Amino acid sequence: MTLRDPDFSAAERGAMQSAVSLAGRGVRGANPLVGAVVLDERGTAIGSGYHRGAGTPHAEVDALAKALTQRADLTGCTLICTLEPCNHAGRTGPCTEAIAAAGITRVVYAADDVHGPAAGGAGWLTAHGVETVGGLMADESHQLNHRWREATSSRRPFITLKIAQTLDGKVAAVDGSSQWITGPESRNDGHSIRRRADAVLVGTGTVLADNPRLSARNPDGTVTTRQPLRVAMGLRTVPDDAAIRAGHFVHLTTRDPWEAGRHLYDDGVGHLMIEGGPTIATAFLAAGLVDELFIYQAPLLLGAGTPAIQSLGIDSLRDASSWVLDPYGGATITRYGNDVRLHLSPAPTAPAATRASQSSLRTITSSKGSSTCSQE
C-alpha cells in the first residue's frame, strides 16, 4: 500500500516541480513521461534526469547516474520522481533495484504506476528498507500522462495520429495528387515519429492508391536499423507485390479500430502511429482512440479536394471534439521549412468515446474515400 505523507519538505516540493518540468522534455509513446531529481542530505539537487523514449535509461536511472558522478555513495539521499519507480525488467532493468543499489534512503514519488507489469515498486522498496512516500503533486503527474494511462488501462497502444494538410484542411487535390503537400523538413520530422513507434498503420485504400513503404528513414534517405511493424487495416486485399510487404508486415482484416488496437497491443505494440488516410484517421478519431495529434500545416490552398477528416457525426459546435496544444512530449508549435506543425492532445475534460458509438463508426470506415498517405 502506498504511504501518503502530507509533510513533504520545501526542498522535496521544489524538486518535484523540477521533475515534472524535466518529464515534459521526453517523447510520448509506449512509455509514460517521467522526470527525477536526487537530493542530498541538505536538500540540494545533485542529479536529475528524464526518460527520453523506449530503450533509453529510465528517469530514475538517469538521475542516479548523474548524482553518482558527484559522490560515490548516495546513502542519506532522497530520490524524487514523478511516477512510482518500476519493478520489472523490460528493455532496461528494474528502477527499484538500481535505487536500492545506489544507497538511496528515501523515495518521494507523485503518482502510482497503474501499468500491471511495472507496478509494485513502492512495496518492493519499502520491503528492502527504503522509505517510500507517494502523493506529492499527483495531479500534475496524472496530467502529464492521462492519455497513456487511459491507453494502458484499456489494453491498447498509445496512438499517435499524423496529418499533413493544406491551409483549408485538404490532403489531396481533386485529381487525387497528394505528394507532396508538405516540404522535406516536415517529412523528415514525420520519420522521427516512425523511428520511435512500434507500428505504423494505414488503410488498405492507402496501400492500393499510394503503395507506401512505411519504412522509417534517416534525413539522408537511408533506412534506420530499427523498423516499425507495417500494418494495413481493412477488408480489401493487399497485393503480393505491395511495397508495405517489404518489411515486417501484418494485415488486420477489420474495420473496427478497437479490435485493431487490442490485437496489436496483445502482439507487443505499445506505440501505434496512424499515418493515413482520411477514412482511417476519422475512424480512430470517432472512436476516441487518438492520444496524440500532429498536424503539419502547409501554406497551400486547394479549395476543393479530399478533406483530412470525414464526418464525425457532430451536428453542433457544442459537441465539437476538443483538443489542446500539448506542452509535453514535444513543442506545441514548430516551424519546419515553410510548414507549421501543431502538437495536440485531447482535452482532459472531453468525454471518451465508448463502444456504443461503434455502429456509426463502422458506417464511417466502410466508405471508399480517397486515400492518401501524405508521407511515404
Protein backbone atom coordinates (compact mmCIF):
# COMPACT_ATOMS: atom_id res chain seq x y z
CA MET A 1 0.00 0.00 0.00
CA THR A 2 1.28 3.47 -0.86
CA LEU A 3 2.25 5.61 2.13
CA ARG A 4 0.82 9.13 2.00
CA ASP A 5 2.71 11.86 3.83
CA PRO A 6 1.48 15.49 3.87
CA ASP A 7 4.73 16.72 5.46
CA PHE A 8 6.94 16.98 2.40
CA SER A 9 9.84 19.40 2.79
CA ALA A 10 10.18 22.58 0.76
CA ALA A 11 13.19 21.04 -0.97
CA GLU A 12 11.16 17.97 -1.95
CA ARG A 13 8.32 20.09 -3.28
CA GLY A 14 10.71 22.21 -5.32
CA ALA A 15 12.46 19.11 -6.65
CA MET A 16 9.14 17.58 -7.70
CA GLN A 17 8.28 20.73 -9.64
CA SER A 18 11.63 20.39 -11.42
CA ALA A 19 10.96 16.69 -12.06
CA VAL A 20 7.60 17.46 -13.69
CA SER A 21 9.28 20.03 -15.93
CA LEU A 22 12.01 17.57 -16.84
CA ALA A 23 9.46 14.87 -17.67
CA GLY A 24 7.96 17.14 -20.30
CA ARG A 25 11.20 17.01 -22.29
CA GLY A 26 10.63 13.37 -23.16
CA VAL A 27 8.59 11.97 -26.03
CA ARG A 28 5.18 10.39 -25.85
CA GLY A 29 4.71 6.78 -26.84
CA ALA A 30 4.78 3.32 -25.31
CA ASN A 31 6.17 4.70 -22.03
CA PRO A 32 4.95 7.48 -19.73
CA LEU A 33 6.72 10.81 -19.39
CA VAL A 34 8.83 10.67 -16.21
CA GLY A 35 11.31 13.02 -14.55
CA ALA A 36 13.52 12.54 -11.47
CA VAL A 37 15.80 14.53 -9.15
CA VAL A 38 18.27 13.34 -6.48
CA LEU A 39 18.61 15.48 -3.33
CA ASP A 40 21.47 15.20 -0.86
CA GLU A 41 21.05 15.40 2.93
CA ARG A 42 20.88 19.21 2.79
CA GLY A 43 18.15 19.22 0.15
CA THR A 44 20.49 20.23 -2.66
CA ALA A 45 19.90 18.71 -6.09
CA ILE A 46 22.94 16.68 -7.15
CA GLY A 47 21.48 14.83 -10.15
CA SER A 48 18.44 14.98 -12.42
CA GLY A 49 17.12 13.13 -15.44
CA TYR A 50 14.16 12.21 -17.60
CA HIS A 51 13.09 9.37 -19.84
CA ARG A 52 13.96 10.02 -23.49
CA GLY A 53 11.95 7.17 -25.02
CA ALA A 54 11.73 3.40 -25.33
CA GLY A 55 15.03 1.63 -24.77
CA THR A 56 16.73 4.59 -23.08
CA PRO A 57 17.52 4.78 -19.33
CA HIS A 58 14.52 5.50 -17.15
CA ALA A 59 14.40 8.88 -15.46
CA GLU A 60 15.42 7.46 -12.07
CA VAL A 61 18.46 5.69 -13.51
CA ASP A 62 19.42 8.80 -15.48
CA ALA A 63 19.26 10.95 -12.33
CA LEU A 64 21.14 8.37 -10.24
CA ALA A 65 23.95 8.15 -12.80
CA LYS A 66 24.45 11.90 -12.70
CA ALA A 67 24.32 12.00 -8.90
CA LEU A 68 26.92 9.23 -8.71
CA THR A 69 29.36 11.45 -10.59
CA GLN A 70 29.14 13.85 -7.63
CA ARG A 71 29.64 11.27 -4.88
CA ALA A 72 30.32 7.55 -4.75
CA ASP A 73 27.63 6.67 -2.21
CA LEU A 74 24.07 8.03 -2.20
CA THR A 75 23.24 6.84 1.33
CA GLY A 76 21.19 9.55 3.03
CA CYS A 77 19.97 10.96 -0.29
CA THR A 78 16.36 11.28 -1.48
CA LEU A 79 15.11 10.41 -4.94
CA ILE A 80 12.18 12.50 -6.23
CA CYS A 81 10.28 11.11 -9.22
CA THR A 82 7.01 11.84 -10.98
CA LEU A 83 5.93 8.19 -11.14
CA GLU A 84 6.27 5.21 -8.81
CA PRO A 85 9.57 3.51 -9.75
CA CYS A 86 9.08 0.46 -11.95
CA ASN A 87 9.65 -3.01 -10.58
CA HIS A 88 10.12 -5.06 -13.74
CA ALA A 89 12.72 -5.77 -16.40
CA GLY A 90 11.87 -4.71 -19.94
CA ARG A 91 14.42 -3.22 -22.32
CA THR A 92 16.06 -1.90 -19.17
CA GLY A 93 16.32 -3.31 -15.64
CA PRO A 94 14.03 -2.50 -12.68
CA CYS A 95 14.46 1.01 -11.32
CA THR A 96 13.76 -0.30 -7.82
CA GLU A 97 16.94 -2.39 -7.83
CA ALA A 98 19.02 0.49 -9.18
CA ILE A 99 17.69 2.78 -6.43
CA ALA A 100 18.47 0.30 -3.65
CA ALA A 101 21.91 -0.48 -5.07
CA ALA A 102 22.81 3.22 -5.15
CA GLY A 103 22.09 3.55 -1.43
CA ILE A 104 19.11 5.92 -1.69
CA THR A 105 17.48 6.27 1.72
CA ARG A 106 14.14 7.88 0.81
CA VAL A 107 11.97 7.94 -2.33
CA VAL A 108 9.22 10.50 -2.90
CA TYR A 109 7.03 9.96 -5.96
CA ALA A 110 3.95 11.65 -7.35
CA ALA A 111 1.57 9.01 -8.73
CA ASP A 112 1.20 5.25 -8.52
CA ASP A 113 2.19 3.26 -11.60
CA VAL A 114 -1.01 1.52 -12.71
CA HIS A 115 0.66 -0.41 -15.53
CA GLY A 116 0.44 -4.02 -14.34
CA PRO A 117 3.92 -5.31 -15.26
CA ALA A 118 5.68 -2.28 -13.77
CA ALA A 119 3.55 -1.76 -10.65
CA GLY A 120 4.57 -2.60 -7.11
CA GLY A 121 7.75 -0.58 -6.92
CA ALA A 122 6.79 1.23 -3.72
CA GLY A 123 6.12 -2.04 -1.92
CA TRP A 124 9.41 -3.56 -3.10
CA LEU A 125 11.41 -0.52 -1.97
CA THR A 126 9.72 -0.46 1.43
CA ALA A 127 10.41 -4.17 1.91
CA HIS A 128 14.08 -3.52 1.14
CA GLY A 129 14.47 -0.75 3.70
CA VAL A 130 13.92 2.33 1.53
CA GLU A 131 11.44 4.82 2.99
CA THR A 132 8.91 5.35 0.19
CA VAL A 133 6.28 8.09 0.12
CA GLY A 134 3.73 8.81 -2.63
CA GLY A 135 1.26 11.54 -3.49
CA LEU A 136 3.35 14.69 -3.92
CA MET A 137 1.95 16.62 -6.94
CA ALA A 138 -0.05 13.58 -8.01
CA ASP A 139 -2.47 15.70 -10.09
CA GLU A 140 0.37 17.17 -12.12
CA SER A 141 1.76 13.70 -12.77
CA HIS A 142 -1.64 12.45 -13.89
CA GLN A 143 -1.94 15.39 -16.28
CA LEU A 144 1.42 14.51 -17.82
CA ASN A 145 0.24 11.02 -18.70
CA HIS A 146 -3.56 10.98 -18.62
CA ARG A 147 -3.84 9.55 -22.16
CA TRP A 148 -1.07 6.99 -21.60
CA ARG A 149 -2.94 5.79 -18.52
CA GLU A 150 -6.17 5.56 -20.48
CA ALA A 151 -4.45 3.55 -23.22
CA THR A 152 -2.77 1.05 -20.91
CA SER A 153 -5.87 0.58 -18.78
CA SER A 154 -7.80 -0.22 -21.99
CA ARG A 155 -5.10 -2.70 -23.10
CA ARG A 156 -4.36 -0.88 -26.32
CA PRO A 157 -1.35 1.01 -27.68
CA PHE A 158 -0.74 4.71 -27.14
CA ILE A 159 -1.89 6.08 -30.52
CA THR A 160 -0.35 8.99 -32.43
CA LEU A 161 -2.16 10.37 -35.48
CA LYS A 162 -0.17 12.35 -38.05
CA ILE A 163 -1.91 14.53 -40.64
CA ALA A 164 -0.25 16.63 -43.35
CA GLN A 165 -2.73 19.08 -44.86
CA THR A 166 -3.27 22.35 -46.70
CA LEU A 167 -4.48 25.52 -45.00
CA ASP A 168 -8.03 24.56 -45.92
CA GLY A 169 -7.70 21.08 -44.48
CA LYS A 170 -7.19 19.06 -47.67
CA VAL A 171 -4.87 16.05 -48.02
CA ALA A 172 -5.25 15.62 -51.79
CA ALA A 173 -6.36 17.65 -54.81
CA VAL A 174 -9.43 16.86 -56.91
CA ASP A 175 -7.28 14.72 -59.24
CA GLY A 176 -6.02 12.68 -56.28
CA SER A 177 -2.48 14.13 -56.26
CA SER A 178 -1.05 14.47 -52.76
CA GLN A 179 2.73 14.16 -52.96
CA TRP A 180 3.99 16.34 -51.66
CA ILE A 181 1.71 18.67 -49.70
CA THR A 182 4.36 19.35 -47.06
CA GLY A 183 8.05 20.01 -47.55
CA PRO A 184 11.06 17.77 -46.86
CA GLU A 185 11.63 19.21 -43.38
CA SER A 186 8.13 18.14 -42.30
CA ARG A 187 8.55 14.72 -43.90
CA ASN A 188 11.84 14.22 -42.06
CA ASP A 189 10.12 15.06 -38.78
CA GLY A 190 7.38 12.58 -39.60
CA HIS A 191 10.05 9.92 -39.98
CA SER A 192 11.33 10.78 -36.50
CA ILE A 193 7.93 9.68 -35.15
CA ARG A 194 8.08 6.49 -37.23
CA ARG A 195 11.51 5.74 -35.80
CA ARG A 196 10.20 5.62 -32.25
CA ALA A 197 6.83 3.96 -32.99
CA ASP A 198 6.38 0.22 -32.64
CA ALA A 199 3.98 0.09 -35.58
CA VAL A 200 2.71 2.35 -38.40
CA LEU A 201 -0.83 1.79 -39.69
CA VAL A 202 -2.62 2.80 -42.90
CA GLY A 203 -5.83 1.66 -44.51
CA THR A 204 -5.95 -0.76 -47.40
CA GLY A 205 -7.24 2.13 -49.53
CA THR A 206 -3.97 3.98 -48.97
CA VAL A 207 -2.00 0.84 -49.81
CA LEU A 208 -3.82 0.48 -53.13
CA ALA A 209 -3.70 4.17 -54.04
CA ASP A 210 -0.21 5.20 -52.89
CA ASN A 211 1.71 1.94 -52.39
CA PRO A 212 3.66 3.36 -49.40
CA ARG A 213 6.69 1.61 -47.96
CA LEU A 214 6.08 2.87 -44.40
CA SER A 215 9.75 2.39 -43.61
CA ALA A 216 11.47 4.64 -41.07
CA ARG A 217 14.25 6.60 -42.72
CA ASN A 218 17.01 8.98 -41.73
CA PRO A 219 17.21 12.53 -43.16
CA ASP A 220 19.70 11.26 -45.80
CA GLY A 221 17.18 8.70 -47.02
CA THR A 222 18.83 5.62 -45.54
CA VAL A 223 16.64 3.21 -43.60
CA THR A 224 17.07 3.01 -39.84
CA THR A 225 18.25 -0.14 -38.11
CA ARG A 226 15.05 -0.44 -36.08
CA GLN A 227 11.93 -0.54 -38.23
CA PRO A 228 8.30 -0.36 -37.10
CA LEU A 229 5.79 -3.06 -37.83
CA ARG A 230 3.91 -2.10 -41.02
CA VAL A 231 0.16 -2.53 -40.68
CA ALA A 232 -2.62 -2.41 -43.27
CA MET A 233 -6.14 -2.26 -41.85
CA GLY A 234 -9.24 -3.05 -43.89
CA LEU A 235 -11.06 -5.74 -45.84
CA ARG A 236 -9.52 -5.20 -49.26
CA THR A 237 -6.71 -7.49 -50.41
CA VAL A 238 -3.13 -6.25 -50.10
CA PRO A 239 -1.29 -7.21 -53.32
CA ASP A 240 1.61 -9.63 -53.04
CA ASP A 241 3.95 -7.05 -54.58
CA ALA A 242 2.82 -4.14 -52.36
CA ALA A 243 5.77 -2.12 -51.02
CA ILE A 244 4.40 -2.40 -47.48
CA ARG A 245 5.20 -6.12 -47.54
CA ALA A 246 8.95 -5.42 -47.81
CA GLY A 247 9.31 -5.25 -44.03
CA HIS A 248 7.66 -6.90 -41.02
CA PHE A 249 4.03 -6.67 -42.12
CA VAL A 250 0.58 -7.58 -40.84
CA HIS A 251 -2.83 -7.19 -42.46
CA LEU A 252 -5.68 -6.65 -39.99
CA THR A 253 -8.88 -7.63 -41.78
CA THR A 254 -11.17 -5.45 -39.69
CA ARG A 255 -12.78 -2.02 -39.82
CA ASP A 256 -13.00 -1.77 -36.03
CA PRO A 257 -10.26 0.44 -34.51
CA TRP A 258 -10.78 -1.10 -31.07
CA GLU A 259 -10.26 -4.59 -32.46
CA ALA A 260 -7.16 -3.47 -34.35
CA GLY A 261 -5.68 -1.70 -31.33
CA ARG A 262 -6.17 -4.59 -28.95
CA HIS A 263 -4.80 -7.09 -31.47
CA LEU A 264 -1.64 -5.03 -31.86
CA TYR A 265 -1.33 -4.49 -28.10
CA ASP A 266 -1.53 -8.23 -27.50
CA ASP A 267 1.26 -8.62 -30.06
CA GLY A 268 3.52 -6.25 -28.09
CA VAL A 269 2.81 -2.91 -29.81
CA GLY A 270 2.96 -0.17 -27.18
CA HIS A 271 3.01 2.83 -29.55
CA LEU A 272 0.98 2.92 -32.74
CA MET A 273 1.31 5.64 -35.37
CA ILE A 274 -1.66 6.25 -37.69
CA GLU A 275 -0.44 7.65 -40.99
CA GLY A 276 -3.36 7.65 -43.42
CA GLY A 277 -5.70 8.20 -45.00
CA PRO A 278 -8.83 10.16 -44.08
CA THR A 279 -11.06 7.11 -43.62
CA ILE A 280 -8.71 5.52 -41.09
CA ALA A 281 -7.95 8.83 -39.35
CA THR A 282 -11.67 9.52 -38.99
CA ALA A 283 -12.36 6.04 -37.65
CA PHE A 284 -9.80 6.32 -34.86
CA LEU A 285 -10.88 9.87 -34.01
CA ALA A 286 -14.54 8.86 -33.90
CA ALA A 287 -13.64 6.01 -31.56
CA GLY A 288 -11.82 8.37 -29.17
CA LEU A 289 -8.59 6.42 -29.64
CA VAL A 290 -6.20 9.18 -30.72
CA ASP A 291 -3.95 10.13 -27.80
CA GLU A 292 -1.60 12.49 -29.63
CA LEU A 293 -2.14 14.50 -32.81
CA PHE A 294 0.49 16.06 -35.05
CA ILE A 295 -0.88 18.34 -37.77
CA TYR A 296 1.61 19.53 -40.39
CA GLN A 297 0.09 22.63 -41.99
CA ALA A 298 1.40 23.54 -45.46
CA PRO A 299 0.93 27.11 -46.84
CA LEU A 300 -1.29 25.89 -49.70
CA LEU A 301 -4.95 26.33 -50.63
CA LEU A 302 -6.88 23.90 -52.83
CA GLY A 303 -10.47 24.98 -52.32
CA ALA A 304 -11.67 21.51 -53.29
CA GLY A 305 -10.22 18.07 -52.82
CA THR A 306 -10.07 15.34 -50.19
CA PRO A 307 -10.62 16.57 -46.60
CA ALA A 308 -8.23 15.36 -43.91
CA ILE A 309 -11.16 14.30 -41.72
CA GLN A 310 -14.52 12.95 -42.82
CA SER A 311 -17.76 13.34 -40.91
CA LEU A 312 -17.52 12.62 -37.19
CA GLY A 313 -21.28 12.71 -36.76
CA ILE A 314 -21.11 16.06 -34.94
CA ASP A 315 -24.01 18.42 -35.67
CA SER A 316 -23.45 21.24 -33.17
CA LEU A 317 -20.46 23.33 -32.16
CA ARG A 318 -21.12 22.49 -28.53
CA ASP A 319 -20.40 18.84 -29.33
CA ALA A 320 -17.13 19.51 -31.16
CA SER A 321 -14.16 17.26 -30.43
CA SER A 322 -11.97 19.40 -28.18
CA TRP A 323 -8.15 19.45 -28.35
CA VAL A 324 -5.42 21.41 -26.59
CA LEU A 325 -1.87 22.31 -27.53
CA ASP A 326 0.29 19.76 -25.74
CA PRO A 327 3.26 21.37 -23.95
CA TYR A 328 4.76 18.00 -23.03
CA GLY A 329 6.42 15.37 -25.18
CA GLY A 330 7.38 17.85 -27.93
CA ALA A 331 7.00 21.55 -28.73
CA THR A 332 3.43 22.80 -29.17
CA ILE A 333 4.06 24.80 -32.38
CA THR A 334 7.12 24.22 -34.55
CA ARG A 335 8.15 25.56 -37.94
CA TYR A 336 9.61 23.12 -40.48
CA GLY A 337 10.67 24.96 -43.61
CA ASN A 338 7.50 26.72 -44.81
CA ASP A 339 5.23 24.38 -42.84
CA VAL A 340 3.96 24.64 -39.27
CA ARG A 341 3.48 21.63 -37.01
CA LEU A 342 0.89 21.63 -34.24
CA HIS A 343 1.24 19.14 -31.38
CA LEU A 344 -2.10 18.44 -29.68
CA SER A 345 -3.77 16.08 -27.26
CA PRO A 346 -7.45 15.54 -26.41
CA ALA A 347 -8.74 17.98 -23.83
CA PRO A 348 -8.78 16.15 -20.46
CA THR A 349 -12.42 17.09 -19.90
CA ALA A 350 -13.57 15.77 -23.26
CA PRO A 351 -15.87 12.74 -22.92
CA ALA A 352 -14.29 9.50 -24.05
CA ALA A 353 -15.97 7.55 -26.83
CA THR A 354 -17.44 4.21 -25.88
CA ARG A 355 -18.23 1.01 -27.68
CA ALA A 356 -21.79 2.30 -28.05
CA SER A 357 -20.57 4.51 -30.90
CA GLN A 358 -19.29 1.57 -32.92
CA SER A 359 -22.38 1.26 -35.16
CA SER A 360 -21.86 4.75 -36.61
CA LEU A 361 -18.13 4.12 -36.65
CA ARG A 362 -18.49 1.11 -38.92
CA THR A 363 -20.50 3.25 -41.32
CA ILE A 364 -17.62 5.72 -41.46
CA THR A 365 -14.95 3.09 -42.01
CA SER A 366 -16.84 1.33 -44.78
CA SER A 367 -16.87 4.35 -47.08
CA LYS A 368 -14.47 4.35 -50.02
CA GLY A 369 -12.99 7.83 -49.70
CA SER A 370 -9.70 8.62 -51.40
CA SER A 371 -6.54 7.53 -49.57
CA THR A 372 -3.67 9.47 -49.02
CA CYS A 373 -0.52 8.75 -47.22
CA SER A 374 0.97 12.23 -47.29
CA GLN A 375 4.40 10.94 -46.35
CA GLU A 376 5.65 7.74 -47.95
